């Protein structure tokens, strides 16, 4: 994966906001609000799961890209940056996944 691709994706999402809902799917989705975007993220997540269970690597990759794109739209719509998400991931480095799960409850 090219370094910075997620940052580039965030920049594309931000630029589409001003493109207008008649020409930009991203602008349309953002106009519907976080709940609608979250439903789309859920739909894309399910598509990743289906293709992974089917064992279709190529479609799992494509659906994963769709999921990441929709997550970027969701983060933008919630005024959350990829830097914030990245900081959370960095905070988890070196921590056992089991320990992290226990810390949630």
Protein backbone atom coordinates (compact mmCIF):
# COMPACT_ATOMS: atom_id res chain seq x y z
CA UNK A 1 0.00 0.00 0.00
CA UNK A 2 1.33 3.39 -0.95
CA UNK A 3 2.21 5.46 2.10
CA UNK A 4 -0.25 8.25 2.67
CA UNK A 5 -3.12 6.68 0.72
CA UNK A 6 -5.50 7.03 3.66
CA UNK A 7 -4.58 10.69 4.05
CA UNK A 8 -5.15 11.16 0.32
CA UNK A 9 -8.55 9.49 0.69
CA UNK A 10 -9.45 11.90 3.51
CA UNK A 11 -8.47 14.82 1.28
CA UNK A 12 -10.68 13.54 -1.55
CA UNK A 13 -13.63 13.19 0.83
CA UNK A 14 -13.09 16.73 2.11
CA UNK A 15 -12.92 18.08 -1.44
CA UNK A 16 -16.15 16.37 -2.49
CA UNK A 17 -18.17 18.15 0.19
CA UNK A 18 -18.13 21.33 -1.86
CA UNK A 19 -18.77 19.58 -5.17
CA UNK A 20 -22.50 19.48 -4.52
CA UNK A 21 -24.93 16.64 -4.13
CA UNK A 22 -25.87 16.60 -7.82
CA UNK A 23 -22.33 15.63 -8.87
CA UNK A 24 -20.87 13.87 -5.84
CA UNK A 25 -22.03 10.65 -4.19
CA UNK A 26 -19.87 11.58 -1.19
CA UNK A 27 -21.66 14.93 -0.85
CA UNK A 28 -25.02 13.15 -1.11
CA UNK A 29 -24.05 10.70 1.62
CA UNK A 30 -22.70 13.43 3.87
CA UNK A 31 -25.93 15.37 3.38
CA UNK A 32 -27.88 12.44 4.81
CA UNK A 33 -25.98 12.60 8.10
CA UNK A 34 -23.98 10.21 10.27
CA UNK A 35 -26.77 7.64 10.78
CA UNK A 36 -27.17 7.10 7.03
CA UNK A 37 -23.42 6.94 6.55
CA UNK A 38 -23.13 4.45 9.41
CA UNK A 39 -25.75 2.23 7.74
CA UNK A 40 -23.67 2.31 4.55
CA UNK A 41 -20.55 1.38 6.54
CA UNK A 42 -22.50 -1.55 7.98
CA UNK A 43 -23.57 -2.63 4.49
CA UNK A 44 -19.99 -2.46 3.23
CA UNK A 45 -18.78 -4.38 6.30
CA UNK A 46 -21.24 -7.14 5.55
CA UNK A 47 -20.05 -7.30 1.94
CA UNK A 48 -16.46 -7.75 3.17
CA UNK A 49 -17.61 -10.55 5.46
CA UNK A 50 -19.56 -12.31 2.72
CA UNK A 51 -16.65 -12.29 0.29
CA UNK A 52 -14.18 -13.38 2.98
CA UNK A 53 -16.41 -16.31 3.97
CA UNK A 54 -16.76 -17.21 0.29
CA UNK A 55 -12.97 -17.16 0.07
CA UNK A 56 -12.90 -14.68 -2.79
CA UNK A 57 -9.71 -12.73 -2.19
CA UNK A 58 -10.13 -10.31 -5.09
CA UNK A 59 -13.66 -9.31 -4.07
CA UNK A 60 -12.65 -9.13 -0.41
CA UNK A 61 -9.98 -6.60 -1.41
CA UNK A 62 -12.45 -4.58 -3.49
CA UNK A 63 -15.08 -4.58 -0.75
CA UNK A 64 -12.44 -3.67 1.84
CA UNK A 65 -11.53 -0.64 -0.25
CA UNK A 66 -15.22 0.31 -0.34
CA UNK A 67 -15.41 -0.09 3.43
CA UNK A 68 -12.38 2.13 4.02
CA UNK A 69 -13.81 4.75 1.66
CA UNK A 70 -17.10 4.80 3.52
CA UNK A 71 -15.31 4.93 6.87
CA UNK A 72 -13.47 8.00 5.61
CA UNK A 73 -16.82 9.59 4.77
CA UNK A 74 -18.19 8.67 8.20
CA UNK A 75 -15.16 10.11 9.99
CA UNK A 76 -15.47 13.33 7.99
CA UNK A 77 -19.17 13.56 8.73
CA UNK A 78 -18.46 13.14 12.44
CA UNK A 79 -15.65 15.70 12.35
CA UNK A 80 -13.14 13.00 13.22
CA UNK A 81 -9.79 12.82 11.49
CA UNK A 82 -7.79 9.84 10.37
CA UNK A 83 -5.07 11.23 12.63
CA UNK A 84 -7.35 10.65 15.61
CA UNK A 85 -8.05 7.09 14.50
CA UNK A 86 -4.34 6.59 13.86
CA UNK A 87 -3.55 7.89 17.35
CA UNK A 88 -5.92 5.30 18.80
CA UNK A 89 -4.19 2.56 16.81
CA UNK A 90 -0.80 3.80 17.98
CA UNK A 91 -2.01 3.80 21.58
CA UNK A 92 -2.90 0.14 21.18
CA UNK A 93 0.49 -0.90 19.80
CA UNK A 94 2.24 -3.27 22.12
CA UNK A 95 -1.03 -4.08 23.89
CA UNK A 96 -2.51 -7.54 23.70
CA UNK A 97 -5.79 -7.69 21.83
CA UNK A 98 -7.26 -9.57 24.77
CA UNK A 99 -6.13 -6.84 27.18
CA UNK A 100 -7.59 -4.17 24.92
CA UNK A 101 -10.94 -5.98 24.82
CA UNK A 102 -10.97 -6.32 28.61
CA UNK A 103 -10.31 -2.57 28.97
CA UNK A 104 -13.59 -1.80 27.16
CA UNK A 105 -15.83 -3.29 29.86
